[in-house]
């Protein structure tokens, strides 16, 4: 039984390592707050703002001047407010 558990654990570790090499992990999401200093050299992706009339979370993935990728989450007003 111990050999079976050890074999399963080794298999799961191998799959996890293979997954990381074929699909690089996304950067951890940092939460923006007023006054945060961002070193943005290049914007990689901006999330779509939903068509609602309320404050919603949005994300931006960017590269800093050292080439490191970051994802920052911030609050924006939805894109569904009417000015009629």
Protein backbone atom coordinates (compact mmCIF):
# COMPACT_ATOMS: atom_id res chain seq x y z
CA UNK A 1 0.00 0.00 0.00
CA UNK A 2 2.83 2.42 0.86
CA UNK A 3 4.44 1.72 -2.52
CA UNK A 4 1.18 2.52 -4.32
CA UNK A 5 0.82 5.83 -2.46
CA UNK A 6 4.45 6.73 -3.20
CA UNK A 7 3.95 5.88 -6.87
CA UNK A 8 0.81 8.02 -7.08
CA UNK A 9 2.55 10.96 -5.38
CA UNK A 10 5.51 10.71 -7.77
CA UNK A 11 3.15 10.63 -10.75
CA UNK A 12 1.27 13.69 -9.55
CA UNK A 13 4.53 15.61 -9.04
CA UNK A 14 5.67 14.68 -12.56
CA UNK A 15 2.38 15.90 -14.07
CA UNK A 16 2.59 19.16 -12.11
CA UNK A 17 6.15 19.83 -13.31
CA UNK A 18 5.23 19.02 -16.92
CA UNK A 19 2.25 21.36 -16.72
CA UNK A 20 4.44 24.22 -15.47
CA UNK A 21 6.92 23.82 -18.32
CA UNK A 22 4.29 23.64 -21.07
CA UNK A 23 1.97 26.27 -19.57
CA UNK A 24 3.92 28.93 -17.69
CA UNK A 25 2.01 30.08 -14.65
CA UNK A 26 0.32 33.44 -14.70
CA UNK A 27 1.77 36.09 -12.42
CA UNK A 28 0.08 36.48 -9.04
CA UNK A 29 -2.61 39.16 -9.08
CA UNK A 30 -1.56 42.32 -7.23
CA UNK A 31 -4.33 44.59 -5.94
CA UNK A 32 -3.91 48.24 -6.87
CA UNK A 33 -4.52 50.90 -4.27
CA UNK A 34 -4.33 54.66 -4.65
CA UNK A 35 -0.72 55.73 -4.74
CA UNK A 36 0.71 52.36 -5.79
CA UNK A 37 3.79 52.79 -7.95
CA UNK A 38 3.65 50.75 -11.17
CA UNK A 39 6.66 50.22 -13.45
CA UNK A 40 4.87 49.70 -16.77
CA UNK A 41 7.07 49.29 -19.83
CA UNK A 42 4.53 47.43 -21.99
CA UNK A 43 0.84 46.60 -21.56
CA UNK A 44 0.18 42.96 -22.48
CA UNK A 45 -3.57 42.63 -21.82
CA UNK A 46 -6.51 44.65 -20.49
CA UNK A 47 -9.65 42.88 -19.32
CA UNK A 48 -12.99 43.69 -20.93
CA UNK A 49 -15.16 46.09 -18.94
CA UNK A 50 -18.71 44.70 -18.59
CA UNK A 51 -21.77 46.68 -19.72
CA UNK A 52 -23.13 47.38 -16.23
CA UNK A 53 -23.64 50.61 -14.33
CA UNK A 54 -21.63 49.86 -11.20
CA UNK A 55 -18.04 49.62 -10.03
CA UNK A 56 -16.42 46.38 -11.19
CA UNK A 57 -12.96 44.81 -10.95
CA UNK A 58 -10.69 44.96 -13.99
CA UNK A 59 -7.23 43.52 -14.63
CA UNK A 60 -4.18 44.62 -16.56
CA UNK A 61 -1.20 42.41 -17.35
CA UNK A 62 2.01 44.28 -18.11
CA UNK A 63 5.78 43.95 -18.34
CA UNK A 64 8.04 46.11 -16.21
CA UNK A 65 11.35 47.56 -17.39
CA UNK A 66 13.17 44.39 -16.30
CA UNK A 67 10.90 42.21 -18.46
CA UNK A 68 8.95 40.73 -15.52
CA UNK A 69 5.20 40.22 -16.02
CA UNK A 70 2.70 41.51 -13.49
CA UNK A 71 -1.09 41.41 -13.25
CA UNK A 72 -2.77 44.17 -11.31
CA UNK A 73 -6.46 44.27 -10.35
CA UNK A 74 -8.19 47.61 -9.92
CA UNK A 75 -11.73 49.02 -9.74
CA UNK A 76 -13.42 50.78 -12.68
CA UNK A 77 -16.92 52.04 -13.46
CA UNK A 78 -18.79 49.62 -15.71
CA UNK A 79 -19.36 50.50 -19.33
CA UNK A 80 -23.18 50.37 -19.13
CA UNK A 81 -24.17 53.70 -17.62
CA UNK A 82 -26.41 55.81 -19.83
CA UNK A 83 -26.14 59.59 -20.00
CA UNK A 84 -29.71 60.10 -21.32
